PDB file of N, CA and C in Angstrom:
ATOM      1  N   MET A   1     -17.949  -5.566 -32.868  1.00  0.00           N
ATOM      2  CA  MET A   1     -16.555  -5.281 -33.117  1.00  0.00           C
ATOM      3  C   MET A   1     -16.029  -4.167 -32.212  1.00  0.00           C
ATOM      4  N   GLU A   2     -16.898  -3.381 -31.648  1.00  0.00           N
ATOM      5  CA  GLU A   2     -16.434  -2.281 -30.811  1.00  0.00           C
ATOM      6  C   GLU A   2     -16.215  -2.713 -29.365  1.00  0.00           C
ATOM      7  N   ALA A   3     -16.583  -3.916 -29.032  1.00  0.00           N
ATOM      8  CA  ALA A   3     -16.413  -4.383 -27.658  1.00  0.00           C
ATOM      9  C   ALA A   3     -14.956  -4.714 -27.350  1.00  0.00           C
ATOM     10  N   ALA A   4     -14.175  -5.028 -28.363  1.00  0.00           N
ATOM     11  CA  ALA A   4     -12.785  -5.405 -28.137  1.00  0.00           C
ATOM     12  C   ALA A   4     -11.946  -4.249 -27.574  1.00  0.00           C
ATOM     13  N   PRO A   5     -12.047  -3.009 -28.083  1.00  0.00           N
ATOM     14  CA  PRO A   5     -11.241  -1.932 -27.495  1.00  0.00           C
ATOM     15  C   PRO A   5     -11.598  -1.647 -26.036  1.00  0.00           C
ATOM     16  N   ASP A   6     -12.885  -1.772 -25.692  1.00  0.00           N
ATOM     17  CA  ASP A   6     -13.274  -1.544 -24.297  1.00  0.00           C
ATOM     18  C   ASP A   6     -12.670  -2.594 -23.375  1.00  0.00           C
ATOM     19  N   SER A   7     -12.633  -3.831 -23.840  1.00  0.00           N
ATOM     20  CA  SER A   7     -12.048  -4.876 -23.009  1.00  0.00           C
ATOM     21  C   SER A   7     -10.539  -4.677 -22.866  1.00  0.00           C
ATOM     22  N   LYS A   8      -9.903  -4.181 -23.916  1.00  0.00           N
ATOM     23  CA  LYS A   8      -8.467  -3.890 -23.822  1.00  0.00           C
ATOM     24  C   LYS A   8      -8.205  -2.773 -22.823  1.00  0.00           C
ATOM     25  N   VAL A   9      -9.048  -1.756 -22.832  1.00  0.00           N
ATOM     26  CA  VAL A   9      -8.896  -0.650 -21.890  1.00  0.00           C
ATOM     27  C   VAL A   9      -9.122  -1.139 -20.472  1.00  0.00           C
ATOM     28  N   ASP A  10     -10.164  -1.951 -20.259  1.00  0.00           N
ATOM     29  CA  ASP A  10     -10.429  -2.490 -18.926  1.00  0.00           C
ATOM     30  C   ASP A  10      -9.274  -3.356 -18.439  1.00  0.00           C
ATOM     31  N   ASN A  11      -8.729  -4.195 -19.328  1.00  0.00           N
ATOM     32  CA  ASN A  11      -7.602  -5.045 -18.939  1.00  0.00           C
ATOM     33  C   ASN A  11      -6.370  -4.217 -18.627  1.00  0.00           C
ATOM     34  N   SER A  12      -6.126  -3.151 -19.407  1.00  0.00           N
ATOM     35  CA  SER A  12      -4.953  -2.332 -19.136  1.00  0.00           C
ATOM     36  C   SER A  12      -5.123  -1.549 -17.840  1.00  0.00           C
ATOM     37  N   LYS A  13      -6.358  -1.116 -17.531  1.00  0.00           N
ATOM     38  CA  LYS A  13      -6.591  -0.429 -16.255  1.00  0.00           C
ATOM     39  C   LYS A  13      -6.358  -1.376 -15.086  1.00  0.00           C
ATOM     40  N   GLU A  14      -6.852  -2.599 -15.200  1.00  0.00           N
ATOM     41  CA  GLU A  14      -6.637  -3.564 -14.127  1.00  0.00           C
ATOM     42  C   GLU A  14      -5.156  -3.877 -13.956  1.00  0.00           C
ATOM     43  N   LYS A  15      -4.422  -3.953 -15.076  1.00  0.00           N
ATOM     44  CA  LYS A  15      -2.993  -4.227 -15.000  1.00  0.00           C
ATOM     45  C   LYS A  15      -2.266  -3.076 -14.292  1.00  0.00           C
ATOM     46  N   VAL A  16      -2.659  -1.842 -14.583  1.00  0.00           N
ATOM     47  CA  VAL A  16      -2.045  -0.687 -13.934  1.00  0.00           C
ATOM     48  C   VAL A  16      -2.335  -0.696 -12.442  1.00  0.00           C
ATOM     49  N   TYR A  17      -3.586  -0.943 -12.063  1.00  0.00           N
ATOM     50  CA  TYR A  17      -3.934  -0.977 -10.648  1.00  0.00           C
ATOM     51  C   TYR A  17      -3.210  -2.111  -9.930  1.00  0.00           C
ATOM     52  N   THR A  18      -3.091  -3.258 -10.582  1.00  0.00           N
ATOM     53  CA  THR A  18      -2.395  -4.386  -9.972  1.00  0.00           C
ATOM     54  C   THR A  18      -0.924  -4.061  -9.759  1.00  0.00           C
ATOM     55  N   ARG A  19      -0.293  -3.452 -10.770  1.00  0.00           N
ATOM     56  CA  ARG A  19       1.124  -3.112 -10.637  1.00  0.00           C
ATOM     57  C   ARG A  19       1.341  -2.029  -9.586  1.00  0.00           C
ATOM     58  N   LEU A  20       0.432  -1.067  -9.499  1.00  0.00           N
ATOM     59  CA  LEU A  20       0.562  -0.046  -8.459  1.00  0.00           C
ATOM     60  C   LEU A  20       0.352  -0.643  -7.071  1.00  0.00           C
ATOM     61  N   ASN A  21      -0.539  -1.608  -6.938  1.00  0.00           N
ATOM     62  CA  ASN A  21      -0.700  -2.284  -5.649  1.00  0.00           C
ATOM     63  C   ASN A  21       0.543  -3.093  -5.295  1.00  0.00           C
ATOM     64  N   TYR A  22       1.171  -3.732  -6.290  1.00  0.00           N
ATOM     65  CA  TYR A  22       2.420  -4.439  -6.030  1.00  0.00           C
ATOM     66  C   TYR A  22       3.516  -3.459  -5.611  1.00  0.00           C
ATOM     67  N   PHE A  23       3.539  -2.277  -6.231  1.00  0.00           N
ATOM     68  CA  PHE A  23       4.509  -1.255  -5.844  1.00  0.00           C
ATOM     69  C   PHE A  23       4.261  -0.806  -4.404  1.00  0.00           C
ATOM     70  N   GLY A  24       2.994  -0.656  -4.035  1.00  0.00           N
ATOM     71  CA  GLY A  24       2.660  -0.296  -2.660  1.00  0.00           C
ATOM     72  C   GLY A  24       3.087  -1.373  -1.682  1.00  0.00           C
ATOM     73  N   LEU A  25       2.897  -2.647  -2.046  1.00  0.00           N
ATOM     74  CA  LEU A  25       3.344  -3.741  -1.194  1.00  0.00           C
ATOM     75  C   LEU A  25       4.866  -3.767  -1.073  1.00  0.00           C
ATOM     76  N   PHE A  26       5.555  -3.468  -2.170  1.00  0.00           N
ATOM     77  CA  PHE A  26       7.015  -3.379  -2.128  1.00  0.00           C
ATOM     78  C   PHE A  26       7.453  -2.264  -1.180  1.00  0.00           C
ATOM     79  N   LEU A  27       6.774  -1.112  -1.242  1.00  0.00           N
ATOM     80  CA  LEU A  27       7.108  -0.011  -0.342  1.00  0.00           C
ATOM     81  C   LEU A  27       6.836  -0.398   1.115  1.00  0.00           C
ATOM     82  N   LEU A  28       5.744  -1.126   1.369  1.00  0.00           N
ATOM     83  CA  LEU A  28       5.460  -1.570   2.734  1.00  0.00           C
ATOM     84  C   LEU A  28       6.549  -2.501   3.252  1.00  0.00           C
ATOM     85  N   ALA A  29       6.949  -3.447   2.439  1.00  0.00           N
ATOM     86  CA  ALA A  29       8.008  -4.372   2.859  1.00  0.00           C
ATOM     87  C   ALA A  29       9.314  -3.612   3.093  1.00  0.00           C
ATOM     88  N   THR A  30       9.610  -2.654   2.228  1.00  0.00           N
ATOM     89  CA  THR A  30      10.819  -1.850   2.385  1.00  0.00           C
ATOM     90  C   THR A  30      10.763  -1.037   3.665  1.00  0.00           C
ATOM     91  N   SER A  31       9.604  -0.469   3.972  1.00  0.00           N
ATOM     92  CA  SER A  31       9.503   0.335   5.189  1.00  0.00           C
ATOM     93  C   SER A  31       9.704  -0.515   6.439  1.00  0.00           C
ATOM     94  N   ILE A  32       9.205  -1.735   6.419  1.00  0.00           N
ATOM     95  CA  ILE A  32       9.396  -2.616   7.572  1.00  0.00           C
ATOM     96  C   ILE A  32      10.868  -2.988   7.721  1.00  0.00           C
ATOM     97  N   ILE A  33      11.528  -3.297   6.612  1.00  0.00           N
ATOM     98  CA  ILE A  33      12.950  -3.647   6.660  1.00  0.00           C
ATOM     99  C   ILE A  33      13.781  -2.464   7.129  1.00  0.00           C
ATOM    100  N   VAL A  34      13.507  -1.274   6.596  1.00  0.00           N
ATOM    101  CA  VAL A  34      14.278  -0.086   6.977  1.00  0.00           C
ATOM    102  C   VAL A  34      14.024   0.273   8.433  1.00  0.00           C
ATOM    103  N   THR A  35      12.779   0.171   8.880  1.00  0.00           N
ATOM    104  CA  THR A  35      12.464   0.532  10.262  1.00  0.00           C
ATOM    105  C   THR A  35      13.154  -0.390  11.255  1.00  0.00           C
ATOM    106  N   PHE A  36      13.182  -1.682  10.972  1.00  0.00           N
ATOM    107  CA  PHE A  36      13.732  -2.633  11.921  1.00  0.00           C
ATOM    108  C   PHE A  36      15.155  -3.077  11.598  1.00  0.00           C
ATOM    109  N   ALA A  37      15.805  -2.445  10.627  1.00  0.00           N
ATOM    110  CA  ALA A  37      17.185  -2.797  10.294  1.00  0.00           C
ATOM    111  C   ALA A  37      18.135  -2.571  11.463  1.00  0.00           C
ATOM    112  N   PRO A  38      18.045  -1.475  12.218  1.00  0.00           N
ATOM    113  CA  PRO A  38      18.967  -1.322  13.354  1.00  0.00           C
ATOM    114  C   PRO A  38      18.778  -2.390  14.438  1.00  0.00           C
ATOM    115  N   ALA A  39      17.568  -2.909  14.580  1.00  0.00           N
ATOM    116  CA  ALA A  39      17.352  -3.972  15.562  1.00  0.00           C
ATOM    117  C   ALA A  39      17.931  -5.294  15.076  1.00  0.00           C
ATOM    118  N   MET A  40      17.876  -5.527  13.757  1.00  0.00           N
ATOM    119  CA  MET A  40      18.395  -6.778  13.209  1.00  0.00           C
ATOM    120  C   MET A  40      19.917  -6.747  13.087  1.00  0.00           C
ATOM    121  N   PHE A  41      20.450  -5.569  12.729  1.00  0.00           N
ATOM    122  CA  PHE A  41      21.897  -5.407  12.542  1.00  0.00           C
ATOM    123  C   PHE A  41      22.361  -4.227  13.398  1.00  0.00           C
ATOM    124  N   PRO A  42      22.764  -4.464  14.618  1.00  0.00           N
ATOM    125  CA  PRO A  42      23.092  -3.361  15.532  1.00  0.00           C
ATOM    126  C   PRO A  42      24.258  -2.496  15.079  1.00  0.00           C
ATOM    127  N   SER A  43      25.141  -3.007  14.242  1.00  0.00           N
ATOM    128  CA  SER A  43      26.279  -2.191  13.807  1.00  0.00           C
ATOM    129  C   SER A  43      25.866  -1.091  12.814  1.00  0.00           C
ATOM    130  N   LEU A  44      24.646  -1.162  12.283  1.00  0.00           N
ATOM    131  CA  LEU A  44      24.188  -0.106  11.368  1.00  0.00           C
ATOM    132  C   LEU A  44      23.956   1.220  12.083  1.00  0.00           C
ATOM    133  N   ALA A  45      23.521   1.145  13.316  1.00  0.00           N
ATOM    134  CA  ALA A  45      23.212   2.352  14.076  1.00  0.00           C
ATOM    135  C   ALA A  45      23.783   2.220  15.486  1.00  0.00           C
ATOM    136  N   PRO A  46      25.051   2.628  15.671  1.00  0.00           N
ATOM    137  CA  PRO A  46      25.661   2.443  16.983  1.00  0.00           C
ATOM    138  C   PRO A  46      25.133   3.384  18.067  1.00  0.00           C
ATOM    139  N   ASN A  47      24.526   4.506  17.694  1.00  0.00           N
ATOM    140  CA  ASN A  47      23.991   5.390  18.732  1.00  0.00           C
ATOM    141  C   ASN A  47      22.511   5.671  18.475  1.00  0.00           C
ATOM    142  N   GLY A  48      21.887   6.342  19.426  1.00  0.00           N
ATOM    143  CA  GLY A  48      20.447   6.554  19.375  1.00  0.00           C
ATOM    144  C   GLY A  48      19.978   7.440  18.241  1.00  0.00           C
ATOM    145  N   TRP A  49      20.788   8.434  17.877  1.00  0.00           N
ATOM    146  CA  TRP A  49      20.366   9.353  16.813  1.00  0.00           C
ATOM    147  C   TRP A  49      20.254   8.629  15.475  1.00  0.00           C
ATOM    148  N   GLU A  50      21.141   7.711  15.228  1.00  0.00           N
ATOM    149  CA  GLU A  50      21.073   6.961  13.968  1.00  0.00           C
ATOM    150  C   GLU A  50      19.871   6.017  13.951  1.00  0.00           C
ATOM    151  N   VAL A  51      19.521   5.481  15.096  1.00  0.00           N
ATOM    152  CA  VAL A  51      18.321   4.639  15.180  1.00  0.00           C
ATOM    153  C   VAL A  51      17.090   5.474  14.864  1.00  0.00           C
ATOM    154  N   ILE A  52      17.043   6.686  15.411  1.00  0.00           N
ATOM    155  CA  ILE A  52      15.917   7.577  15.123  1.00  0.00           C
ATOM    156  C   ILE A  52      15.857   7.904  13.638  1.00  0.00           C
ATOM    157  N   ALA A  53      17.008   8.092  13.000  1.00  0.00           N
ATOM    158  CA  ALA A  53      17.032   8.368  11.553  1.00  0.00           C
ATOM    159  C   ALA A  53      16.502   7.174  10.762  1.00  0.00           C
ATOM    160  N   TRP A  54      16.912   5.965  11.130  1.00  0.00           N
ATOM    161  CA  TRP A  54      16.432   4.766  10.439  1.00  0.00           C
ATOM    162  C   TRP A  54      14.921   4.614  10.598  1.00  0.00           C
ATOM    163  N   VAL A  55      14.434   4.828  11.820  1.00  0.00           N
ATOM    164  CA  VAL A  55      12.992   4.709  12.064  1.00  0.00           C
ATOM    165  C   VAL A  55      12.248   5.805  11.302  1.00  0.00           C
ATOM    166  N   GLY A  56      12.823   7.008  11.239  1.00  0.00           N
ATOM    167  CA  GLY A  56      12.203   8.098  10.487  1.00  0.00           C
ATOM    168  C   GLY A  56      12.088   7.787   9.003  1.00  0.00           C
ATOM    169  N   TRP A  57      13.156   7.243   8.426  1.00  0.00           N
ATOM    170  CA  TRP A  57      13.100   6.854   7.014  1.00  0.00           C
ATOM    171  C   TRP A  57      12.081   5.738   6.796  1.00  0.00           C
ATOM    172  N   GLY A  58      12.041   4.806   7.710  1.00  0.00           N
ATOM    173  CA  GLY A  58      11.064   3.723   7.584  1.00  0.00           C
ATOM    174  C   GLY A  58       9.636   4.237   7.644  1.00  0.00           C
ATOM    175  N   LEU A  59       9.375   5.166   8.555  1.00  0.00           N
ATOM    176  CA  LEU A  59       8.027   5.731   8.648  1.00  0.00           C
ATOM    177  C   LEU A  59       7.692   6.595   7.433  1.00  0.00           C
ATOM    178  N   ALA A  60       8.688   7.293   6.886  1.00  0.00           N
ATOM    179  CA  ALA A  60       8.446   8.084   5.675  1.00  0.00           C
ATOM    180  C   ALA A  60       8.085   7.184   4.497  1.00  0.00           C
ATOM    181  N   ILE A  61       8.783   6.071   4.357  1.00  0.00           N
ATOM    182  CA  ILE A  61       8.467   5.125   3.283  1.00  0.00           C
ATOM    183  C   ILE A  61       7.095   4.499   3.530  1.00  0.00           C
ATOM    184  N   PHE A  62       6.768   4.236   4.790  1.00  0.00           N
ATOM    185  CA  PHE A  62       5.455   3.690   5.119  1.00  0.00           C
ATOM    186  C   PHE A  62       4.347   4.668   4.738  1.00  0.00           C
ATOM    187  N   ILE A  63       4.529   5.938   5.038  1.00  0.00           N
ATOM    188  CA  ILE A  63       3.529   6.950   4.674  1.00  0.00           C
ATOM    189  C   ILE A  63       3.396   7.038   3.158  1.00  0.00           C
ATOM    190  N   LEU A  64       4.514   6.966   2.434  1.00  0.00           N
ATOM    191  CA  LEU A  64       4.454   6.961   0.972  1.00  0.00           C
ATOM    192  C   LEU A  64       3.685   5.744   0.465  1.00  0.00           C
ATOM    193  N   ALA A  65       3.894   4.589   1.077  1.00  0.00           N
ATOM    194  CA  ALA A  65       3.163   3.377   0.674  1.00  0.00           C
ATOM    195  C   ALA A  65       1.667   3.550   0.914  1.00  0.00           C
ATOM    196  N   MET A  66       1.292   4.152   2.040  1.00  0.00           N
ATOM    197  CA  MET A  66      -0.133   4.377   2.325  1.00  0.00           C
ATOM    198  C   MET A  66      -0.743   5.336   1.309  1.00  0.00           C
ATOM    199  N   ILE A  67       0.018   6.352   0.914  1.00  0.00           N
ATOM    200  CA  ILE A  67      -0.480   7.293  -0.097  1.00  0.00           C
ATOM    201  C   ILE A  67      -0.671   6.569  -1.424  1.00  0.00           C
ATOM    202  N   VAL A  68       0.284   5.723  -1.805  1.00  0.00           N
ATOM    203  CA  VAL A  68       0.156   4.959  -3.060  1.00  0.00           C
ATOM    204  C   VAL A  68      -1.062   4.053  -3.003  1.00  0.00           C
ATOM    205  N   PHE A  69      -1.247   3.335  -1.894  1.00  0.00           N
ATOM    206  CA  PHE A  69      -2.418   2.470  -1.747  1.00  0.00           C
ATOM    207  C   PHE A  69      -3.718   3.263  -1.810  1.00  0.00           C
ATOM    208  N   LEU A  70      -3.764   4.358  -1.097  1.00  0.00           N
ATOM    209  CA  LEU A  70      -4.982   5.151  -1.037  1.00  0.00           C
ATOM    210  C   LEU A  70      -5.347   5.713  -2.406  1.00  0.00           C
ATOM    211  N   ILE A  71      -4.392   6.312  -3.072  1.00  0.00           N
ATOM    212  CA  ILE A  71      -4.674   6.899  -4.390  1.00  0.00           C
ATOM    213  C   ILE A  71      -5.042   5.814  -5.391  1.00  0.00           C
ATOM    214  N   THR A  72      -4.287   4.721  -5.420  1.00  0.00           N
ATOM    215  CA  THR A  72      -4.563   3.643  -6.367  1.00  0.00           C
ATOM    216  C   THR A  72      -5.958   3.065  -6.168  1.00  0.00           C
ATOM    217  N   ASN A  73      -6.290   2.745  -4.929  1.00  0.00           N
ATOM    218  CA  ASN A  73      -7.576   2.096  -4.687  1.00  0.00           C
ATOM    219  C   ASN A  73      -8.745   3.063  -4.777  1.00  0.00           C
ATOM    220  N   LEU A  74      -8.536   4.329  -4.466  1.00  0.00           N
ATOM    221  CA  LEU A  74      -9.619   5.293  -4.659  1.00  0.00           C
ATOM    222  C   LEU A  74      -9.917   5.500  -6.135  1.00  0.00           C
ATOM    223  N   PHE A  75      -8.858   5.612  -6.958  1.00  0.00           N
ATOM    224  CA  PHE A  75      -9.100   5.734  -8.397  1.00  0.00           C
ATOM    225  C   PHE A  75      -9.763   4.478  -8.947  1.00  0.00           C
ATOM    226  N   LYS A  76      -9.352   3.326  -8.456  1.00  0.00           N
ATOM    227  CA  LYS A  76      -9.969   2.081  -8.902  1.00  0.00           C
ATOM    228  C   LYS A  76     -11.434   2.035  -8.484  1.00  0.00           C
ATOM    229  N   PHE A  77     -11.712   2.499  -7.261  1.00  0.00           N
ATOM    230  CA  PHE A  77     -13.080   2.482  -6.745  1.00  0.00           C
ATOM    231  C   PHE A  77     -13.975   3.442  -7.516  1.00  0.00           C
ATOM    232  N   PHE A  78     -13.479   4.649  -7.808  1.00  0.00           N
ATOM    233  CA  PHE A  78     -14.312   5.649  -8.470  1.00  0.00           C
ATOM    234  C   PHE A  78     -14.372   5.494  -9.982  1.00  0.00           C
ATOM    235  N   SER A  79     -13.466   4.719 -10.574  1.00  0.00           N
ATOM    236  CA  SER A  79     -13.483   4.565 -12.026  1.00  0.00           C
ATOM    237  C   SER A  79     -14.303   3.371 -12.494  1.00  0.00           C
ATOM    238  N   LYS A  80     -14.977   2.687 -11.583  1.00  0.00           N
ATOM    239  CA  LYS A  80     -15.826   1.562 -11.991  1.00  0.00           C
ATOM    240  C   LYS A  80     -17.027   2.071 -12.767  1.00  0.00           C
ATOM    241  N   ASN A  81     -17.447   1.261 -13.713  1.00  0.00           N
ATOM    242  CA  ASN A  81     -18.652   1.583 -14.465  1.00  0.00           C
ATOM    243  C   ASN A  81     -19.853   1.061 -13.693  1.00  0.00           C
ATOM    244  N   ASN A  82     -20.648   1.953 -13.166  1.00  0.00           N
ATOM    245  CA  ASN A  82     -21.785   1.554 -12.340  1.00  0.00           C
ATOM    246  C   ASN A  82     -22.870   0.852 -13.148  1.00  0.00           C
ATOM    247  N   HIS A  83     -23.002   1.213 -14.421  1.00  0.00           N
ATOM    248  CA  HIS A  83     -24.048   0.575 -15.219  1.00  0.00           C
ATOM    249  C   HIS A  83     -23.702  -0.852 -15.588  1.00  0.00           C
ATOM    250  N   GLU A  84     -22.423  -1.231 -15.536  1.00  0.00           N
ATOM    251  CA  GLU A  84     -22.041  -2.592 -15.855  1.00  0.00           C
ATOM    252  C   GLU A  84     -22.013  -3.486 -14.628  1.00  0.00           C
ATOM    253  N   GLU A  85     -21.778  -2.912 -13.456  1.00  0.00           N
ATOM    254  CA  GLU A  85     -21.639  -3.708 -12.250  1.00  0.00           C
ATOM    255  C   GLU A  85     -22.776  -3.383 -11.291  1.00  0.00           C
ATOM    256  N   ASN A  86     -23.932  -3.946 -11.534  1.00  0.00           N
ATOM    257  CA  ASN A  86     -25.085  -3.711 -10.682  1.00  0.00           C
ATOM    258  C   ASN A  86     -25.142  -4.670  -9.509  1.00  0.00           C
ATOM    259  N   ASP A  87     -24.389  -5.753  -9.582  1.00  0.00           N
ATOM    260  CA  ASP A  87     -24.397  -6.737  -8.509  1.00  0.00           C
ATOM    261  C   ASP A  87     -23.604  -6.199  -7.318  1.00  0.00           C
ATOM    262  N   SER A  88     -24.258  -6.092  -6.167  1.00  0.00           N
ATOM    263  CA  SER A  88     -23.587  -5.512  -5.009  1.00  0.00           C
ATOM    264  C   SER A  88     -22.571  -6.463  -4.394  1.00  0.00           C
ATOM    265  N   SER A  89     -22.653  -7.749  -4.691  1.00  0.00           N
ATOM    266  CA  SER A  89     -21.700  -8.690  -4.114  1.00  0.00           C
ATOM    267  C   SER A  89     -20.317  -8.552  -4.738  1.00  0.00           C
ATOM    268  N   THR A  90     -20.209  -8.001  -5.943  1.00  0.00           N
ATOM    269  CA  THR A  90     -18.906  -7.828  -6.573  1.00  0.00           C
ATOM    270  C   THR A  90     -18.336  -6.452  -6.309  1.00  0.00           C
ATOM    271  N   GLY A  91     -19.074  -5.553  -5.681  1.00  0.00           N
ATOM    272  CA  GLY A  91     -18.591  -4.207  -5.430  1.00  0.00           C
ATOM    273  C   GLY A  91     -17.536  -4.186  -4.340  1.00  0.00           C
ATOM    274  N   THR A  92     -16.716  -3.164  -4.392  1.00  0.00           N
ATOM    275  CA  THR A  92     -15.667  -2.988  -3.404  1.00  0.00           C
ATOM    276  C   THR A  92     -16.143  -2.001  -2.365  1.00  0.00           C
ATOM    277  N   SER A  93     -16.096  -2.386  -1.117  1.00  0.00           N
ATOM    278  CA  SER A  93     -16.525  -1.491  -0.055  1.00  0.00           C
ATOM    279  C   SER A  93     -15.328  -0.697   0.457  1.00  0.00           C
ATOM    280  N   TRP A  94     -15.628   0.340   1.218  1.00  0.00           N
ATOM    281  CA  TRP A  94     -14.566   1.161   1.795  1.00  0.00           C
ATOM    282  C   TRP A  94     -13.738   0.346   2.777  1.00  0.00           C
ATOM    283  N   LEU A  95     -14.368  -0.574   3.474  1.00  0.00           N
ATOM    284  CA  LEU A  95     -13.634  -1.402   4.424  1.00  0.00           C
ATOM    285  C   LEU A  95     -12.600  -2.266   3.709  1.00  0.00           C
ATOM    286  N   THR A  96     -12.956  -2.785   2.548  1.00  0.00           N
ATOM    287  CA  THR A  96     -12.024  -3.599   1.780  1.00  0.00           C
ATOM    288  C   THR A  96     -10.839  -2.772   1.317  1.00  0.00           C
ATOM    289  N   ILE A  97     -11.079  -1.529   0.956  1.00  0.00           N
ATOM    290  CA  ILE A  97     -10.009  -0.674   0.455  1.00  0.00           C
ATOM    291  C   ILE A  97      -9.001  -0.357   1.552  1.00  0.00           C
ATOM    292  N   ILE A  98      -9.464  -0.076   2.748  1.00  0.00           N
ATOM    293  CA  ILE A  98      -8.537   0.395   3.785  1.00  0.00           C
ATOM    294  C   ILE A  98      -8.177  -0.659   4.824  1.00  0.00           C
ATOM    295  N   LYS A  99      -8.708  -1.859   4.716  1.00  0.00           N
ATOM    296  CA  LYS A  99      -8.488  -2.871   5.751  1.00  0.00           C
ATOM    297  C   LYS A  99      -7.020  -3.278   5.860  1.00  0.00           C
ATOM    298  N   VAL A 100      -6.402  -3.677   4.774  1.00  0.00           N
ATOM    299  CA  VAL A 100      -5.022  -4.164   4.821  1.00  0.00           C
ATOM    300  C   VAL A 100      -4.039  -3.063   5.205  1.00  0.00           C
ATOM    301  N   PRO A 101      -4.084  -1.863   4.592  1.00  0.00           N
ATOM    302  CA  PRO A 101      -3.152  -0.820   5.038  1.00  0.00           C
ATOM    303  C   PRO A 101      -3.321  -0.435   6.505  1.00  0.00           C
ATOM    304  N   LEU A 102      -4.545  -0.426   7.005  1.00  0.00           N
ATOM    305  CA  LEU A 102      -4.743  -0.096   8.416  1.00  0.00           C
ATOM    306  C   LEU A 102      -4.178  -1.174   9.333  1.00  0.00           C
ATOM    307  N   LEU A 103      -4.349  -2.433   8.975  1.00  0.00           N
ATOM    308  CA  LEU A 103      -3.791  -3.505   9.788  1.00  0.00           C
ATOM    309  C   LEU A 103      -2.266  -3.474   9.787  1.00  0.00           C
ATOM    310  N   ILE A 104      -1.674  -3.233   8.630  1.00  0.00           N
ATOM    311  CA  ILE A 104      -0.217  -3.151   8.552  1.00  0.00           C
ATOM    312  C   ILE A 104       0.274  -1.937   9.332  1.00  0.00           C
ATOM    313  N   GLY A 105      -0.447  -0.823   9.234  1.00  0.00           N
ATOM    314  CA  GLY A 105      -0.074   0.365  10.008  1.00  0.00           C
ATOM    315  C   GLY A 105      -0.154   0.115  11.498  1.00  0.00           C
ATOM    316  N   LEU A 106      -1.170  -0.590  11.933  1.00  0.00           N
ATOM    317  CA  LEU A 106      -1.313  -0.909  13.350  1.00  0.00           C
ATOM    318  C   LEU A 106      -0.177  -1.810  13.824  1.00  0.00           C
ATOM    319  N   ILE A 107       0.205  -2.782  13.010  1.00  0.00           N
ATOM    320  CA  ILE A 107       1.303  -3.677  13.379  1.00  0.00           C
ATOM    321  C   ILE A 107       2.622  -2.916  13.446  1.00  0.00           C
ATOM    322  N   VAL A 108       2.902  -2.088  12.433  1.00  0.00           N
ATOM    323  CA  VAL A 108       4.149  -1.317  12.429  1.00  0.00           C
ATOM    324  C   VAL A 108       4.166  -0.338  13.602  1.00  0.00           C
ATOM    325  N   PHE A 109       3.049   0.317  13.864  1.00  0.00           N
ATOM    326  CA  PHE A 109       2.981   1.261  14.982  1.00  0.00           C
ATOM    327  C   PHE A 109       3.236   0.553  16.311  1.00  0.00           C
ATOM    328  N   SER A 110       2.590  -0.581  16.500  1.00  0.00           N
ATOM    329  CA  SER A 110       2.760  -1.286  17.782  1.00  0.00           C
ATOM    330  C   SER A 110       4.165  -1.835  17.934  1.00  0.00           C
ATOM    331  N   LEU A 111       4.751  -2.352  16.861  1.00  0.00           N
ATOM    332  CA  LEU A 111       6.121  -2.871  16.957  1.00  0.00           C
ATOM    333  C   LEU A 111       7.142  -1.758  17.132  1.00  0.00           C
ATOM    334  N   THR A 112       6.872  -0.593  16.551  1.00  0.00           N
ATOM    335  CA  THR A 112       7.830   0.510  16.635  1.00  0.00           C
ATOM    336  C   THR A 112       7.793   1.179  18.006  1.00  0.00           C
ATOM    337  N   PHE A 113       6.620   1.483  18.487  1.00  0.00           N
ATOM    338  CA  PHE A 113       6.510   2.302  19.683  1.00  0.00           C
ATOM    339  C   PHE A 113       6.368   1.508  20.970  1.00  0.00           C
ATOM    340  N   PHE A 114       6.044   0.233  20.903  1.00  0.00           N
ATOM    341  CA  PHE A 114       5.869  -0.546  22.118  1.00  0.00           C
ATOM    342  C   PHE A 114       6.939  -1.619  22.296  1.00  0.00           C
ATOM    343  N   SER A 115       8.003  -1.534  21.515  1.00  0.00           N
ATOM    344  CA  SER A 115       9.061  -2.534  21.680  1.00  0.00           C
ATOM    345  C   SER A 115      10.253  -1.955  22.401  1.00  0.00           C
TER     346      SER A 115
END
């Protein structure tokens, strides 16, 4: 009878991590839209200073998204119960945690600075 509360806690933790990852993905999409909005709609930023402001806001939102991803996935990684998950094939590696944010960062960096 005591196994039910533990499963509820585990499910609620997974739900929180999933929602925080969705929030991080929303921030990433927002940062891409904000960064490239002056290129898509030239009337938003008629001079160079406004373009720099748009790119600055986009990069700030991108950094916030990376912080959300990093904190969420680090807490998820460190809060696992090691005695329950002995199988190494189900474990999360550091590469899995940082792979997607690094790839998105590389794409945003290359599109921003090399275009």
